[in-house]
Amino acid sequence: MNNKKNDIHHQENIGNTRHLKMPERLWKLVTKAAKNNRSIHDYIITIIENDLIKRKMLKKAERKKFLSNR
């Protein structure tokens, strides 16, 4: 019974996963630029959110809240 619960939870997580492909040259630049951020993933999300806020497609209040490592 416990396995079924874990399987269902695992399937939900897989459905929410998204992947991003980018050229190696661009990835190296993003990695370098993200050095002052929490992670590359958080850096990319911040860039996308900034653009969506600028386009008025996302409100500042809807921005993802990151946990501070500091």
C-alpha atoms as a PDB file:
ATOM      1  CA  MET A   1       0.000   0.000   0.000  1.00  0.00           C
ATOM      2  CA  ASN A   2       2.850   2.375   0.807  1.00  0.00           C
ATOM      3  CA  ASN A   3       4.446   1.698  -2.611  1.00  0.00           C
ATOM      4  CA  LYS A   4       1.321   2.893  -4.427  1.00  0.00           C
ATOM      5  CA  LYS A   5       1.395   6.168  -2.509  1.00  0.00           C
ATOM      6  CA  ASN A   6       5.082   6.690  -3.363  1.00  0.00           C
ATOM      7  CA  ASP A   7       4.475   5.805  -7.028  1.00  0.00           C
ATOM      8  CA  ILE A   8       1.649   8.335  -7.308  1.00  0.00           C
ATOM      9  CA  HIS A   9       3.776  11.041  -5.660  1.00  0.00           C
ATOM     10  CA  HIS A  10       6.688  10.234  -8.000  1.00  0.00           C
ATOM     11  CA  GLN A  11       4.422  10.462 -11.060  1.00  0.00           C
ATOM     12  CA  GLU A  12       3.169  13.898  -9.962  1.00  0.00           C
ATOM     13  CA  ASN A  13       6.738  15.185  -9.626  1.00  0.00           C
ATOM     14  CA  ILE A  14       7.681  13.898 -13.083  1.00  0.00           C
ATOM     15  CA  GLY A  15       4.715  15.734 -14.604  1.00  0.00           C
ATOM     16  CA  ASN A  16       5.913  19.051 -13.171  1.00  0.00           C
ATOM     17  CA  THR A  17       9.495  18.742 -14.399  1.00  0.00           C
ATOM     18  CA  ARG A  18      10.619  20.977 -17.244  1.00  0.00           C
ATOM     19  CA  HIS A  19      13.924  20.894 -19.065  1.00  0.00           C
ATOM     20  CA  LEU A  20      15.821  23.618 -20.795  1.00  0.00           C
ATOM     21  CA  LYS A  21      18.303  23.062 -23.595  1.00  0.00           C
ATOM     22  CA  MET A  22      20.844  25.707 -24.476  1.00  0.00           C
ATOM     23  CA  PRO A  23      24.116  25.842 -26.368  1.00  0.00           C
ATOM     24  CA  GLU A  24      27.262  25.054 -24.365  1.00  0.00           C
ATOM     25  CA  ARG A  25      28.660  28.536 -25.029  1.00  0.00           C
ATOM     26  CA  LEU A  26      25.548  30.149 -23.538  1.00  0.00           C
ATOM     27  CA  TRP A  27      25.497  27.723 -20.581  1.00  0.00           C
ATOM     28  CA  LYS A  28      29.083  28.701 -19.693  1.00  0.00           C
ATOM     29  CA  LEU A  29      28.133  32.389 -19.722  1.00  0.00           C
ATOM     30  CA  VAL A  30      25.048  31.744 -17.561  1.00  0.00           C
ATOM     31  CA  THR A  31      27.158  29.711 -15.120  1.00  0.00           C
ATOM     32  CA  LYS A  32      29.668  32.541 -14.870  1.00  0.00           C
ATOM     33  CA  ALA A  33      26.946  35.177 -14.408  1.00  0.00           C
ATOM     34  CA  ALA A  34      25.174  33.100 -11.740  1.00  0.00           C
ATOM     35  CA  LYS A  35      28.235  32.935  -9.453  1.00  0.00           C
ATOM     36  CA  ASN A  36      26.790  35.664  -7.179  1.00  0.00           C
ATOM     37  CA  ASN A  37      23.377  33.961  -6.990  1.00  0.00           C
ATOM     38  CA  ARG A  38      22.040  31.034  -5.006  1.00  0.00           C
ATOM     39  CA  SER A  39      22.165  28.590  -7.921  1.00  0.00           C
ATOM     40  CA  ILE A  40      22.078  28.551 -11.701  1.00  0.00           C
ATOM     41  CA  HIS A  41      18.466  27.346 -11.535  1.00  0.00           C
ATOM     42  CA  ASP A  42      17.445  30.276  -9.308  1.00  0.00           C
ATOM     43  CA  TYR A  43      19.350  32.694 -11.542  1.00  0.00           C
ATOM     44  CA  ILE A  44      17.490  31.509 -14.657  1.00  0.00           C
ATOM     45  CA  ILE A  45      14.125  31.730 -12.859  1.00  0.00           C
ATOM     46  CA  THR A  46      14.962  35.284 -11.737  1.00  0.00           C
ATOM     47  CA  ILE A  47      15.824  36.334 -15.296  1.00  0.00           C
ATOM     48  CA  ILE A  48      12.575  34.877 -16.649  1.00  0.00           C
ATOM     49  CA  GLU A  49      10.495  36.422 -13.858  1.00  0.00           C
ATOM     50  CA  ASN A  50      12.111  39.826 -14.431  1.00  0.00           C
ATOM     51  CA  ASP A  51      11.174  39.673 -18.108  1.00  0.00           C
ATOM     52  CA  LEU A  52       7.592  38.582 -17.360  1.00  0.00           C
ATOM     53  CA  ILE A  53       7.209  41.401 -14.815  1.00  0.00           C
ATOM     54  CA  LYS A  54       8.551  43.885 -17.367  1.00  0.00           C
ATOM     55  CA  ARG A  55       5.965  42.610 -19.882  1.00  0.00           C
ATOM     56  CA  LYS A  56       3.239  42.887 -17.207  1.00  0.00           C
ATOM     57  CA  MET A  57       2.498  39.168 -17.465  1.00  0.00           C
ATOM     58  CA  LEU A  58       3.515  38.508 -13.845  1.00  0.00           C
ATOM     59  CA  LYS A  59       3.047  40.622 -10.736  1.00  0.00           C
ATOM     60  CA  LYS A  60       5.961  41.283  -8.399  1.00  0.00           C
ATOM     61  CA  ALA A  61       3.952  39.672  -5.597  1.00  0.00           C
ATOM     62  CA  GLU A  62       3.798  36.429  -7.630  1.00  0.00           C
ATOM     63  CA  ARG A  63       7.595  36.192  -7.850  1.00  0.00           C
ATOM     64  CA  LYS A  64       9.073  32.987  -6.432  1.00  0.00           C
ATOM     65  CA  LYS A  65      10.474  33.440  -2.952  1.00  0.00           C
ATOM     66  CA  PHE A  66      13.969  31.986  -2.608  1.00  0.00           C
ATOM     67  CA  LEU A  67      15.402  30.873   0.700  1.00  0.00           C
ATOM     68  CA  SER A  68      18.468  32.884   1.546  1.00  0.00           C
ATOM     69  CA  ASN A  69      21.699  30.962   2.100  1.00  0.00           C
ATOM     70  CA  ARG A  70      23.217  33.925   3.899  1.00  0.00           C
END
